[in-house]
């Protein structure tokens, strides 16, 4: 037979529930919904443009498709970008470093002429810094109530919220990036690592950087309402 629970017992249960909810605030627990838009078909570069500033470089030496994986050699600097421009979406992708981890990034709301680097806001993939924001060529965003923008600097780095939670080299990581109006939220392996509002750019190409050493991508898609 169950006995009536004391007020003290109810209070303890309430406290435990509150702590549990608080601990979940910075992790992805909901089931995503929306229309799925496959950005990469896993076979070729349909819907994408590969760019390096040196016209003498063969982009096939930089970007390749290998067994359903998008492979990037990491050199020279450049990027692959969507042909279409997007806004108000949740971007999903996986990445891993097959060799020594170095530097790459996801460029959001990119525009203007193709150059290294375009006007955009970067969600960093640099080893140990995945989840940082990088404001490129004068873009701005508000983080923790502070407006961050410096047109005099090409790069403004806004560090992630929590210690790095990236998988070791050779293992897959997952990025989930929410872009809603001027708000950007960046989740690394399910953990919210950065959040900003009032972004000065809100639509544009989505780019993946070549900037260091070999890196691989797969399962690149959007959810849009």
N, C-alpha and C. Protein backbone atom coordinates (compact mmCIF):
# COMPACT_ATOMS: atom_id res chain seq x y z
N UNK A 1 0.85 -1.19 0.00
CA UNK A 1 0.00 0.00 0.00
C UNK A 1 0.89 1.24 0.00
N UNK A 2 0.54 2.23 -0.83
CA UNK A 2 1.32 3.46 -0.89
C UNK A 2 0.92 4.37 0.25
N UNK A 3 1.91 4.95 0.92
CA UNK A 3 1.65 5.93 1.95
C UNK A 3 1.64 7.32 1.35
N UNK A 4 0.95 8.23 2.00
CA UNK A 4 0.94 9.61 1.55
C UNK A 4 2.34 10.19 1.67
N UNK A 5 2.76 10.88 0.63
CA UNK A 5 4.09 11.47 0.64
C UNK A 5 4.06 12.77 1.43
N UNK A 6 5.08 12.97 2.26
CA UNK A 6 5.17 14.18 3.07
C UNK A 6 5.48 15.38 2.19
N UNK A 7 5.24 16.57 2.75
CA UNK A 7 5.58 17.79 2.02
C UNK A 7 7.08 17.86 1.73
N UNK A 8 7.87 17.34 2.67
CA UNK A 8 9.33 17.34 2.45
C UNK A 8 9.69 16.48 1.25
N UNK A 9 9.05 15.31 1.18
CA UNK A 9 9.33 14.42 0.05
C UNK A 9 8.94 15.05 -1.27
N UNK A 10 7.76 15.71 -1.29
CA UNK A 10 7.32 16.37 -2.52
C UNK A 10 8.28 17.48 -2.90
N UNK A 11 8.78 18.19 -1.89
CA UNK A 11 9.73 19.27 -2.17
C UNK A 11 11.01 18.75 -2.79
N UNK A 12 11.50 17.63 -2.28
CA UNK A 12 12.73 17.04 -2.82
C UNK A 12 12.52 16.61 -4.27
N UNK A 13 11.36 15.97 -4.54
CA UNK A 13 11.09 15.56 -5.91
C UNK A 13 11.01 16.76 -6.85
N UNK A 14 10.39 17.84 -6.37
CA UNK A 14 10.31 19.05 -7.19
C UNK A 14 11.67 19.62 -7.49
N UNK A 15 12.56 19.61 -6.48
CA UNK A 15 13.91 20.13 -6.68
C UNK A 15 14.68 19.29 -7.68
N UNK A 16 14.54 17.96 -7.57
CA UNK A 16 15.22 17.07 -8.51
C UNK A 16 14.74 17.33 -9.94
N UNK A 17 13.42 17.51 -10.09
CA UNK A 17 12.88 17.78 -11.43
C UNK A 17 13.40 19.08 -11.99
N UNK A 18 13.48 20.11 -11.13
CA UNK A 18 13.98 21.41 -11.57
C UNK A 18 15.43 21.32 -12.02
N UNK A 19 16.25 20.62 -11.24
CA UNK A 19 17.66 20.46 -11.61
C UNK A 19 17.78 19.72 -12.93
N UNK A 20 16.94 18.69 -13.12
CA UNK A 20 16.99 17.94 -14.37
C UNK A 20 16.64 18.79 -15.56
N UNK A 21 15.61 19.64 -15.41
CA UNK A 21 15.23 20.53 -16.51
C UNK A 21 16.31 21.53 -16.81
N UNK A 22 16.93 22.07 -15.76
CA UNK A 22 18.00 23.05 -15.96
C UNK A 22 19.16 22.43 -16.71
N UNK A 23 19.50 21.20 -16.38
CA UNK A 23 20.62 20.55 -17.03
C UNK A 23 20.37 20.25 -18.50
N UNK A 24 19.08 20.25 -18.91
CA UNK A 24 18.76 19.94 -20.30
C UNK A 24 18.67 21.18 -21.18
N UNK A 25 18.74 22.38 -20.60
CA UNK A 25 18.51 23.59 -21.37
C UNK A 25 19.52 23.76 -22.49
N UNK A 26 20.75 23.33 -22.31
CA UNK A 26 21.78 23.54 -23.32
C UNK A 26 22.05 22.31 -24.16
N UNK A 27 21.11 21.35 -24.17
CA UNK A 27 21.27 20.18 -25.02
C UNK A 27 20.02 20.03 -25.88
N UNK A 28 20.19 19.35 -27.02
CA UNK A 28 19.08 19.13 -27.93
C UNK A 28 18.26 17.95 -27.45
N UNK A 29 17.00 18.20 -27.07
CA UNK A 29 16.15 17.13 -26.57
C UNK A 29 14.86 17.01 -27.38
N UNK A 30 14.54 18.00 -28.23
CA UNK A 30 13.29 17.96 -28.97
C UNK A 30 13.45 17.21 -30.28
N UNK A 31 12.32 16.76 -30.83
CA UNK A 31 12.33 16.09 -32.12
C UNK A 31 12.20 17.15 -33.21
N UNK A 32 13.20 17.32 -34.08
CA UNK A 32 13.13 18.35 -35.09
C UNK A 32 12.02 18.08 -36.09
N UNK A 33 11.43 19.15 -36.62
CA UNK A 33 10.38 19.03 -37.61
C UNK A 33 10.60 20.06 -38.69
N UNK A 34 9.87 19.92 -39.79
CA UNK A 34 9.99 20.86 -40.89
C UNK A 34 10.25 20.12 -42.19
N UNK A 35 10.22 20.87 -43.29
CA UNK A 35 10.47 20.30 -44.60
C UNK A 35 11.96 20.07 -44.79
N UNK A 36 12.33 18.85 -45.15
CA UNK A 36 13.75 18.52 -45.34
C UNK A 36 14.20 18.93 -46.74
N UNK A 37 15.31 19.64 -46.79
CA UNK A 37 15.92 20.05 -48.05
C UNK A 37 17.33 19.46 -48.08
N UNK A 38 17.54 18.48 -48.94
CA UNK A 38 18.87 17.86 -49.05
C UNK A 38 19.79 18.81 -49.81
N UNK A 39 20.80 19.34 -49.13
CA UNK A 39 21.72 20.26 -49.79
C UNK A 39 22.73 19.52 -50.66
N UNK A 40 23.14 18.34 -50.21
CA UNK A 40 24.12 17.57 -50.98
C UNK A 40 23.57 16.18 -51.24
N UNK A 41 23.66 15.75 -52.51
CA UNK A 41 23.06 14.47 -52.90
C UNK A 41 23.93 13.25 -52.64
N UNK A 42 25.16 13.47 -52.15
CA UNK A 42 26.04 12.36 -51.84
C UNK A 42 26.73 11.74 -53.03
N UNK A 43 26.53 12.33 -54.23
CA UNK A 43 27.07 11.73 -55.46
C UNK A 43 28.00 12.65 -56.24
N UNK A 44 27.60 13.94 -56.34
CA UNK A 44 28.38 14.87 -57.16
C UNK A 44 28.20 16.28 -56.61
N UNK A 45 28.50 17.29 -57.40
CA UNK A 45 28.47 18.67 -56.91
C UNK A 45 27.29 19.46 -57.45
N UNK A 46 26.24 18.76 -57.84
CA UNK A 46 25.03 19.43 -58.28
C UNK A 46 24.52 20.36 -57.18
N UNK A 47 24.27 21.62 -57.54
CA UNK A 47 23.75 22.59 -56.57
C UNK A 47 24.82 23.31 -55.79
N UNK A 48 26.09 23.03 -56.10
CA UNK A 48 27.21 23.64 -55.38
C UNK A 48 28.21 24.24 -56.36
N UNK A 49 28.93 25.26 -55.90
CA UNK A 49 30.03 25.87 -56.65
C UNK A 49 31.29 25.77 -55.82
N UNK A 50 32.36 25.27 -56.42
CA UNK A 50 33.66 25.16 -55.73
C UNK A 50 34.51 26.37 -56.12
N UNK A 51 35.10 27.01 -55.12
CA UNK A 51 35.86 28.24 -55.40
C UNK A 51 37.21 28.22 -54.71
N UNK A 52 38.24 28.53 -55.49
CA UNK A 52 39.56 28.89 -54.96
C UNK A 52 40.01 30.12 -55.74
N UNK A 53 40.72 31.05 -55.11
CA UNK A 53 41.05 32.31 -55.78
C UNK A 53 42.04 32.17 -56.93
N UNK A 54 42.84 31.12 -56.93
CA UNK A 54 43.85 30.91 -57.97
C UNK A 54 43.23 30.12 -59.12
N UNK A 55 43.04 30.79 -60.25
CA UNK A 55 42.41 30.14 -61.40
C UNK A 55 43.25 28.98 -61.93
N UNK A 56 44.51 28.91 -61.56
CA UNK A 56 45.37 27.83 -62.01
C UNK A 56 45.22 26.54 -61.23
N UNK A 57 44.45 26.58 -60.15
CA UNK A 57 44.24 25.39 -59.32
C UNK A 57 43.03 24.62 -59.83
N UNK A 58 43.17 23.33 -59.97
CA UNK A 58 42.06 22.46 -60.37
C UNK A 58 41.22 22.16 -59.14
N UNK A 59 39.96 22.61 -59.14
CA UNK A 59 39.12 22.40 -57.96
C UNK A 59 38.88 20.92 -57.69
N UNK A 60 39.05 20.07 -58.71
CA UNK A 60 38.91 18.62 -58.48
C UNK A 60 40.01 18.08 -57.57
N UNK A 61 41.11 18.81 -57.47
CA UNK A 61 42.18 18.40 -56.55
C UNK A 61 41.88 18.83 -55.12
N UNK A 62 40.93 19.74 -54.96
CA UNK A 62 40.60 20.27 -53.63
C UNK A 62 39.36 19.60 -53.06
N UNK A 63 38.33 19.45 -53.90
CA UNK A 63 37.06 18.88 -53.46
C UNK A 63 36.74 17.64 -54.30
N UNK A 64 36.45 16.54 -53.61
CA UNK A 64 36.14 15.28 -54.28
C UNK A 64 35.01 14.57 -53.54
N UNK A 65 34.36 13.66 -54.25
CA UNK A 65 33.37 12.78 -53.64
C UNK A 65 33.99 11.40 -53.53
N UNK A 66 34.04 10.88 -52.30
CA UNK A 66 34.66 9.58 -52.05
C UNK A 66 33.70 8.69 -51.26
N UNK A 67 33.06 7.77 -51.95
CA UNK A 67 32.21 6.81 -51.25
C UNK A 67 31.10 7.44 -50.43
N UNK A 68 30.41 8.43 -51.00
CA UNK A 68 29.31 9.08 -50.30
C UNK A 68 29.74 10.12 -49.30
N UNK A 69 31.02 10.45 -49.29
CA UNK A 69 31.56 11.47 -48.38
C UNK A 69 32.13 12.62 -49.20
N UNK A 70 31.90 13.84 -48.76
CA UNK A 70 32.46 15.02 -49.40
C UNK A 70 33.83 15.28 -48.80
N UNK A 71 34.86 15.09 -49.61
CA UNK A 71 36.25 15.20 -49.14
C UNK A 71 36.84 16.52 -49.58
N UNK A 72 37.53 17.18 -48.65
CA UNK A 72 38.22 18.44 -48.94
C UNK A 72 39.69 18.27 -48.56
N UNK A 73 40.59 18.62 -49.47
CA UNK A 73 42.02 18.47 -49.21
C UNK A 73 42.53 19.48 -48.19
N UNK A 74 41.82 20.60 -48.03
CA UNK A 74 42.22 21.61 -47.04
C UNK A 74 43.16 22.66 -47.57
N UNK A 75 43.72 22.46 -48.75
CA UNK A 75 44.63 23.42 -49.36
C UNK A 75 44.37 23.44 -50.86
N UNK A 76 44.41 24.64 -51.48
CA UNK A 76 44.59 25.97 -50.88
C UNK A 76 43.31 26.45 -50.22
N UNK A 77 43.37 27.64 -49.61
CA UNK A 77 42.18 28.23 -49.01
C UNK A 77 41.11 28.46 -50.08
N UNK A 78 39.89 28.20 -49.70
CA UNK A 78 38.75 28.38 -50.59
C UNK A 78 37.51 27.83 -49.92
N UNK A 79 36.50 27.53 -50.72
CA UNK A 79 35.27 26.99 -50.13
C UNK A 79 34.41 26.37 -51.23
N UNK A 80 33.44 25.61 -50.79
CA UNK A 80 32.38 25.13 -51.64
C UNK A 80 31.10 25.75 -51.11
N UNK A 81 30.26 26.29 -51.98
CA UNK A 81 29.06 27.00 -51.52
C UNK A 81 27.83 26.52 -52.28
N UNK A 82 26.69 26.69 -51.63
CA UNK A 82 25.43 26.39 -52.29
C UNK A 82 25.20 27.40 -53.42
N UNK A 83 24.58 26.94 -54.49
CA UNK A 83 24.22 27.87 -55.56
C UNK A 83 23.07 28.78 -55.14
N UNK A 84 22.17 28.23 -54.33
CA UNK A 84 21.03 29.01 -53.85
C UNK A 84 21.39 29.72 -52.54
N UNK A 85 20.66 30.79 -52.27
CA UNK A 85 20.78 31.47 -50.98
C UNK A 85 19.61 31.06 -50.09
N UNK A 86 19.88 30.97 -48.80
CA UNK A 86 18.88 30.46 -47.86
C UNK A 86 18.74 31.39 -46.67
N UNK A 87 17.56 31.34 -46.04
CA UNK A 87 17.30 32.05 -44.79
C UNK A 87 16.29 31.25 -43.98
N UNK A 88 16.28 31.47 -42.68
CA UNK A 88 15.33 30.83 -41.77
C UNK A 88 15.33 29.31 -41.95
N UNK A 89 16.32 28.67 -41.37
CA UNK A 89 16.48 27.23 -41.52
C UNK A 89 17.22 26.66 -40.32
N UNK A 90 17.20 25.34 -40.25
CA UNK A 90 18.06 24.59 -39.35
C UNK A 90 18.97 23.73 -40.23
N UNK A 91 20.25 23.97 -40.10
CA UNK A 91 21.24 23.26 -40.92
C UNK A 91 21.83 22.10 -40.12
N UNK A 92 21.91 20.95 -40.76
CA UNK A 92 22.51 19.77 -40.14
C UNK A 92 23.64 19.27 -41.04
N UNK A 93 24.74 18.90 -40.42
CA UNK A 93 25.82 18.26 -41.17
C UNK A 93 26.72 17.51 -40.20
N UNK A 94 27.49 16.59 -40.76
CA UNK A 94 28.49 15.86 -39.98
C UNK A 94 29.86 16.11 -40.60
N UNK A 95 30.89 16.16 -39.74
CA UNK A 95 32.25 16.34 -40.23
C UNK A 95 33.22 15.50 -39.41
N UNK A 96 34.36 15.20 -40.01
CA UNK A 96 35.43 14.53 -39.28
C UNK A 96 36.77 14.89 -39.93
N UNK A 97 37.81 14.73 -39.14
CA UNK A 97 39.18 14.94 -39.61
C UNK A 97 39.81 13.58 -39.85
N UNK A 98 40.10 13.19 -41.11
CA UNK A 98 40.71 11.88 -41.35
C UNK A 98 42.18 11.84 -40.96
N UNK A 99 42.80 13.02 -40.85
CA UNK A 99 44.20 13.10 -40.46
C UNK A 99 44.32 14.07 -39.28
N UNK A 100 45.38 14.86 -39.22
CA UNK A 100 45.56 15.81 -38.12
C UNK A 100 44.51 16.92 -38.20
N UNK A 101 43.73 17.15 -37.15
CA UNK A 101 42.73 18.22 -37.17
C UNK A 101 43.38 19.60 -37.23
N UNK A 102 42.85 20.45 -38.09
CA UNK A 102 43.36 21.83 -38.15
C UNK A 102 42.20 22.81 -38.20
N UNK A 103 41.88 23.33 -39.39
CA UNK A 103 40.94 24.44 -39.46
C UNK A 103 39.96 24.27 -40.62
N UNK A 104 38.73 24.66 -40.37
CA UNK A 104 37.68 24.75 -41.38
C UNK A 104 36.54 25.51 -40.73
N UNK A 105 35.44 25.64 -41.44
CA UNK A 105 34.31 26.35 -40.86
C UNK A 105 33.10 26.28 -41.77
N UNK A 106 31.94 26.62 -41.20
CA UNK A 106 30.69 26.72 -41.95
C UNK A 106 30.37 28.21 -42.04
N UNK A 107 30.33 28.72 -43.27
CA UNK A 107 30.06 30.14 -43.48
C UNK A 107 28.56 30.32 -43.75
N UNK A 108 27.94 31.17 -42.95
CA UNK A 108 26.49 31.39 -43.04
C UNK A 108 26.20 32.76 -43.65
N UNK A 109 25.08 32.83 -44.38
CA UNK A 109 24.59 34.10 -44.92
C UNK A 109 25.66 34.80 -45.76
N UNK A 110 26.44 34.02 -46.49
CA UNK A 110 27.53 34.58 -47.29
C UNK A 110 26.99 35.25 -48.55
N UNK A 111 27.69 36.29 -48.98
CA UNK A 111 27.28 36.99 -50.18
C UNK A 111 28.40 37.84 -50.74
N UNK A 112 28.06 38.56 -51.81
CA UNK A 112 29.06 39.38 -52.47
C UNK A 112 29.84 38.58 -53.49
N UNK A 113 30.94 39.11 -53.98
CA UNK A 113 31.75 38.36 -54.94
C UNK A 113 32.44 37.18 -54.26
N UNK A 114 32.69 36.13 -55.03
CA UNK A 114 33.47 35.01 -54.50
C UNK A 114 34.88 35.48 -54.22
N UNK A 115 35.31 35.34 -52.97
CA UNK A 115 36.64 35.76 -52.55
C UNK A 115 36.98 35.04 -51.27
N UNK A 116 38.23 35.07 -50.89
CA UNK A 116 38.68 34.53 -49.60
C UNK A 116 39.00 35.72 -48.69
N UNK A 117 38.01 36.05 -47.79
CA UNK A 117 36.76 35.34 -47.52
C UNK A 117 35.57 36.25 -47.81
N UNK A 118 34.37 35.67 -48.07
CA UNK A 118 33.21 36.52 -48.34
C UNK A 118 32.66 37.15 -47.07
N UNK A 119 31.80 38.13 -47.24
CA UNK A 119 31.06 38.70 -46.11
C UNK A 119 30.13 37.62 -45.57
N UNK A 120 30.23 37.31 -44.28
CA UNK A 120 29.45 36.21 -43.72
C UNK A 120 29.65 36.16 -42.21
N UNK A 121 28.95 35.23 -41.57
CA UNK A 121 29.19 34.86 -40.18
C UNK A 121 29.57 33.38 -40.17
N UNK A 122 30.69 33.08 -39.58
CA UNK A 122 31.20 31.70 -39.56
C UNK A 122 30.87 31.00 -38.26
N UNK A 123 30.41 29.76 -38.37
CA UNK A 123 30.38 28.85 -37.23
C UNK A 123 31.64 27.99 -37.36
N UNK A 124 32.53 28.17 -36.44
CA UNK A 124 33.89 27.64 -36.53
C UNK A 124 33.92 26.11 -36.47
N UNK A 125 34.85 25.53 -37.24
CA UNK A 125 35.17 24.11 -37.15
C UNK A 125 36.61 23.87 -36.76
N UNK A 126 37.36 24.92 -36.50
CA UNK A 126 38.75 24.78 -36.10
C UNK A 126 38.85 23.84 -34.91
N UNK A 127 39.81 22.92 -34.97
CA UNK A 127 39.94 21.91 -33.92
C UNK A 127 40.07 22.56 -32.55
N UNK A 128 39.22 22.15 -31.63
CA UNK A 128 39.20 22.70 -30.28
C UNK A 128 38.35 23.93 -30.14
N UNK A 129 37.88 24.49 -31.26
CA UNK A 129 37.11 25.74 -31.22
C UNK A 129 35.77 25.62 -31.93
N UNK A 130 35.34 24.41 -32.25
CA UNK A 130 34.05 24.24 -32.91
C UNK A 130 32.95 24.83 -32.04
N UNK A 131 32.17 25.72 -32.63
CA UNK A 131 31.14 26.43 -31.89
C UNK A 131 31.43 27.91 -31.72
N UNK A 132 32.67 28.33 -31.94
CA UNK A 132 32.97 29.77 -31.95
C UNK A 132 32.23 30.43 -33.12
N UNK A 133 31.86 31.70 -32.94
CA UNK A 133 31.44 32.53 -34.06
C UNK A 133 32.66 33.31 -34.55
N UNK A 134 32.72 33.53 -35.86
CA UNK A 134 33.71 34.43 -36.44
C UNK A 134 32.96 35.39 -37.35
N UNK A 135 33.01 36.67 -37.01
CA UNK A 135 32.38 37.70 -37.84
C UNK A 135 33.39 38.13 -38.89
N UNK A 136 33.02 38.00 -40.16
CA UNK A 136 33.97 38.21 -41.25
C UNK A 136 33.58 39.42 -42.09
N UNK A 137 34.54 40.31 -42.27
CA UNK A 137 34.39 41.48 -43.14
C UNK A 137 33.25 42.41 -42.71
N UNK A 138 33.21 42.70 -41.41
CA UNK A 138 32.31 43.74 -40.92
C UNK A 138 30.94 43.31 -40.47
N UNK A 139 30.63 42.01 -40.51
CA UNK A 139 29.33 41.57 -40.02
C UNK A 139 29.26 41.73 -38.50
N UNK A 140 28.04 41.71 -37.97
CA UNK A 140 27.87 41.91 -36.53
C UNK A 140 26.79 41.02 -35.97
N UNK A 141 26.82 40.85 -34.64
CA UNK A 141 25.82 40.05 -33.93
C UNK A 141 25.87 40.44 -32.47
N UNK A 142 24.76 40.24 -31.76
CA UNK A 142 24.68 40.52 -30.33
C UNK A 142 24.77 39.21 -29.55
N UNK A 143 25.73 39.12 -28.64
CA UNK A 143 25.92 37.92 -27.82
C UNK A 143 25.95 38.33 -26.36
N UNK A 144 25.09 37.71 -25.57
CA UNK A 144 25.00 37.99 -24.14
C UNK A 144 24.81 39.49 -23.88
N UNK A 145 23.97 40.11 -24.70
CA UNK A 145 23.62 41.51 -24.51
C UNK A 145 24.63 42.51 -25.03
N UNK A 146 25.72 42.04 -25.61
CA UNK A 146 26.77 42.93 -26.11
C UNK A 146 26.81 42.88 -27.64
N UNK A 147 26.73 44.05 -28.26
CA UNK A 147 26.84 44.12 -29.71
C UNK A 147 28.29 43.91 -30.12
N UNK A 148 28.50 42.96 -31.01
CA UNK A 148 29.86 42.66 -31.46
C UNK A 148 29.97 42.97 -32.95
N UNK A 149 30.77 43.95 -33.27
CA UNK A 149 31.01 44.33 -34.66
C UNK A 149 32.20 45.27 -34.72
N UNK A 150 33.09 45.04 -35.66
CA UNK A 150 34.24 45.92 -35.84
C UNK A 150 34.61 45.94 -37.32
N UNK A 151 34.05 46.91 -38.07
CA UNK A 151 34.32 46.97 -39.52
C UNK A 151 35.79 47.12 -39.86
N UNK A 152 36.61 47.57 -38.90
CA UNK A 152 38.04 47.76 -39.17
C UNK A 152 38.81 46.44 -39.15
N UNK A 153 38.19 45.38 -38.65
CA UNK A 153 38.87 44.09 -38.56
C UNK A 153 38.22 43.08 -39.49
N UNK A 154 39.04 42.27 -40.16
CA UNK A 154 38.47 41.26 -41.04
C UNK A 154 37.81 40.14 -40.25
N UNK A 155 38.36 39.81 -39.08
CA UNK A 155 37.83 38.72 -38.28
C UNK A 155 37.58 39.19 -36.84
N UNK A 156 36.39 38.90 -36.32
CA UNK A 156 36.07 39.12 -34.92
C UNK A 156 35.61 37.77 -34.36
N UNK A 157 36.35 37.22 -33.41
CA UNK A 157 36.07 35.89 -32.86
C UNK A 157 35.25 36.02 -31.58
N UNK A 158 34.18 35.25 -31.49
CA UNK A 158 33.35 35.18 -30.29
C UNK A 158 33.39 33.73 -29.81
N UNK A 159 34.03 33.51 -28.69
CA UNK A 159 34.27 32.14 -28.24
C UNK A 159 32.99 31.44 -27.80
N UNK A 160 33.00 30.13 -27.92
CA UNK A 160 31.88 29.29 -27.55
C UNK A 160 31.62 29.36 -26.05
N UNK A 161 30.45 28.89 -25.64
CA UNK A 161 30.00 29.00 -24.25
C UNK A 161 30.72 28.05 -23.30
N UNK A 162 30.97 26.82 -23.77
CA UNK A 162 31.42 25.75 -22.88
C UNK A 162 32.70 25.12 -23.41
N UNK A 163 33.37 24.31 -22.59
CA UNK A 163 34.56 23.60 -23.07
C UNK A 163 34.26 22.79 -24.32
N UNK A 164 35.28 22.57 -25.13
CA UNK A 164 35.11 21.83 -26.37
C UNK A 164 34.57 20.43 -26.14
N UNK A 165 33.69 19.99 -27.03
CA UNK A 165 33.11 18.65 -26.92
C UNK A 165 33.18 17.91 -28.25
N UNK A 166 34.27 18.13 -28.98
CA UNK A 166 34.45 17.49 -30.28
C UNK A 166 34.98 16.07 -30.13
N UNK A 167 34.61 15.22 -31.08
CA UNK A 167 35.13 13.85 -31.10
C UNK A 167 36.57 13.85 -31.60
N UNK A 168 37.34 12.83 -31.25
CA UNK A 168 38.73 12.75 -31.72
C UNK A 168 38.81 12.61 -33.24
N UNK A 169 39.99 12.85 -33.78
CA UNK A 169 40.23 12.68 -35.21
C UNK A 169 39.80 11.28 -35.65
N UNK A 170 39.16 11.21 -36.81
CA UNK A 170 38.69 9.94 -37.34
C UNK A 170 37.26 9.62 -36.98
N UNK A 171 36.68 10.34 -36.01
CA UNK A 171 35.30 10.11 -35.60
C UNK A 171 34.41 11.25 -36.08
N UNK A 172 33.16 10.93 -36.35
CA UNK A 172 32.22 11.92 -36.87
C UNK A 172 31.68 12.82 -35.77
N UNK A 173 31.55 14.10 -36.11
CA UNK A 173 30.90 15.10 -35.26
C UNK A 173 29.63 15.58 -35.96
N UNK A 174 28.75 16.17 -35.19
CA UNK A 174 27.48 16.66 -35.75
C UNK A 174 27.31 18.14 -35.41
N UNK A 175 27.00 18.91 -36.43
CA UNK A 175 26.68 20.33 -36.27
C UNK A 175 25.19 20.51 -36.52
N UNK A 176 24.55 21.29 -35.66
CA UNK A 176 23.17 21.73 -35.88
C UNK A 176 23.16 23.24 -35.67
N UNK A 177 22.78 23.96 -36.71
CA UNK A 177 22.83 25.42 -36.68
C UNK A 177 21.45 25.96 -37.01
N UNK A 178 20.88 26.71 -36.08
CA UNK A 178 19.56 27.31 -36.27
C UNK A 178 19.72 28.76 -36.69
N UNK A 179 19.13 29.12 -37.80
CA UNK A 179 19.13 30.51 -38.27
C UNK A 179 17.68 30.95 -38.41
N UNK A 180 17.26 31.85 -37.53
CA UNK A 180 15.88 32.33 -37.51
C UNK A 180 15.90 33.85 -37.45
N UNK A 181 15.65 34.50 -38.58
CA UNK A 181 15.78 35.95 -38.61
C UNK A 181 17.22 36.32 -38.29
N UNK A 182 17.40 37.19 -37.30
CA UNK A 182 18.74 37.59 -36.90
C UNK A 182 19.36 36.74 -35.81
N UNK A 183 18.71 35.63 -35.46
CA UNK A 183 19.21 34.75 -34.39
C UNK A 183 19.95 33.56 -34.99
N UNK A 184 21.10 33.24 -34.40
CA UNK A 184 21.87 32.06 -34.80
C UNK A 184 22.20 31.27 -33.54
N UNK A 185 21.87 29.99 -33.55
CA UNK A 185 22.24 29.08 -32.45
C UNK A 185 23.08 27.96 -33.04
N UNK A 186 24.14 27.63 -32.34
CA UNK A 186 25.11 26.67 -32.85
C UNK A 186 25.27 25.52 -31.85
N UNK A 187 24.89 24.31 -32.26
CA UNK A 187 24.99 23.13 -31.42
C UNK A 187 26.09 22.21 -31.97
N UNK A 188 26.99 21.80 -31.10
CA UNK A 188 28.05 20.85 -31.45
C UNK A 188 27.77 19.55 -30.72
N UNK A 189 27.54 18.48 -31.48
CA UNK A 189 27.24 17.17 -30.88
C UNK A 189 26.14 17.28 -29.83
N UNK A 190 25.11 18.07 -30.16
CA UNK A 190 23.93 18.20 -29.31
C UNK A 190 24.01 19.23 -28.22
N UNK A 191 25.15 19.88 -28.03
CA UNK A 191 25.33 20.87 -26.97
C UNK A 191 25.33 22.28 -27.55
N UNK A 192 24.50 23.16 -27.00
CA UNK A 192 24.47 24.54 -27.44
C UNK A 192 25.79 25.21 -27.06
N UNK A 193 26.54 25.63 -28.07
CA UNK A 193 27.86 26.22 -27.82
C UNK A 193 27.90 27.72 -28.10
N UNK A 194 26.94 28.25 -28.84
CA UNK A 194 26.92 29.69 -29.08
C UNK A 194 25.53 30.11 -29.51
N UNK A 195 25.19 31.35 -29.15
CA UNK A 195 23.89 31.91 -29.51
C UNK A 195 24.02 33.41 -29.65
N UNK A 196 23.50 33.94 -30.74
CA UNK A 196 23.55 35.38 -30.97
C UNK A 196 22.25 35.86 -31.59
N UNK A 197 21.98 37.15 -31.44
CA UNK A 197 20.79 37.77 -32.00
C UNK A 197 21.20 39.02 -32.78
N UNK A 198 20.23 39.56 -33.50
CA UNK A 198 20.44 40.81 -34.24
C UNK A 198 21.59 40.72 -35.24
N UNK A 199 21.76 39.57 -35.86
CA UNK A 199 22.81 39.44 -36.88
C UNK A 199 22.56 40.44 -38.00
N UNK A 200 23.63 41.02 -38.50
CA UNK A 200 23.50 42.04 -39.55
C UNK A 200 23.31 41.42 -40.93
N UNK A 201 23.52 40.12 -41.06
CA UNK A 201 23.20 39.40 -42.29
C UNK A 201 22.29 38.23 -41.92
N UNK A 202 21.25 38.00 -42.71
CA UNK A 202 20.26 36.99 -42.35
C UNK A 202 19.94 36.02 -43.48
N UNK A 203 20.56 36.17 -44.62
CA UNK A 203 20.35 35.23 -45.72
C UNK A 203 21.59 35.21 -46.61
N UNK A 204 21.74 34.13 -47.34
CA UNK A 204 22.89 34.03 -48.25
C UNK A 204 23.28 32.59 -48.51
N UNK A 205 24.44 32.44 -49.12
CA UNK A 205 24.96 31.10 -49.38
C UNK A 205 25.38 30.42 -48.08
N UNK A 206 25.42 29.11 -48.12
CA UNK A 206 26.04 28.29 -47.08
C UNK A 206 27.32 27.72 -47.67
N UNK A 207 28.44 27.95 -47.00
CA UNK A 207 29.75 27.54 -47.53
C UNK A 207 30.47 26.64 -46.54
N UNK A 208 31.28 25.73 -47.06
CA UNK A 208 32.18 24.90 -46.26
C UNK A 208 33.60 25.24 -46.66
N UNK A 209 34.44 25.53 -45.69
CA UNK A 209 35.77 26.04 -45.97
C UNK A 209 36.79 24.94 -46.28
N UNK A 210 37.71 25.29 -47.16
CA UNK A 210 38.99 24.59 -47.32
C UNK A 210 40.03 25.49 -46.68
N UNK A 211 40.61 25.02 -45.55
CA UNK A 211 41.48 25.95 -44.80
C UNK A 211 42.38 25.19 -43.83
N UNK A 212 43.23 24.30 -44.34
CA UNK A 212 44.14 23.65 -43.39
C UNK A 212 44.58 22.28 -43.83
N UNK A 213 43.85 21.26 -43.36
CA UNK A 213 44.19 19.87 -43.66
C UNK A 213 42.93 19.15 -44.12
N UNK A 214 43.05 17.91 -44.59
CA UNK A 214 41.88 17.19 -45.09
C UNK A 214 40.75 17.12 -44.06
N UNK A 215 39.53 17.33 -44.56
CA UNK A 215 38.33 17.25 -43.75
C UNK A 215 37.24 16.62 -44.60
N UNK A 216 36.32 15.90 -43.96
CA UNK A 216 35.24 15.22 -44.68
C UNK A 216 33.90 15.64 -44.11
N UNK A 217 32.89 15.67 -45.00
CA UNK A 217 31.53 16.04 -44.63
C UNK A 217 30.55 15.01 -45.18
N UNK A 218 29.41 14.90 -44.51
CA UNK A 218 28.33 14.06 -45.02
C UNK A 218 27.01 14.50 -44.38
N UNK A 219 25.89 13.94 -44.90
CA UNK A 219 24.56 14.20 -44.35
C UNK A 219 24.30 15.70 -44.17
N UNK A 220 24.40 16.43 -45.27
CA UNK A 220 24.23 17.89 -45.24
C UNK A 220 22.82 18.22 -45.71
N UNK A 221 22.00 18.75 -44.82
CA UNK A 221 20.62 19.07 -45.20
C UNK A 221 20.07 20.19 -44.31
N UNK A 222 18.93 20.73 -44.75
CA UNK A 222 18.22 21.76 -44.00
C UNK A 222 16.85 21.23 -43.59
N UNK A 223 16.32 21.82 -42.53
CA UNK A 223 14.90 21.72 -42.21
C UNK A 223 14.34 23.13 -42.26
N UNK A 224 13.27 23.33 -43.02
CA UNK A 224 12.62 24.63 -43.13
C UNK A 224 11.14 24.47 -42.87
N UNK A 225 10.57 25.42 -42.13
CA UNK A 225 9.13 25.39 -41.86
C UNK A 225 8.35 26.00 -43.03
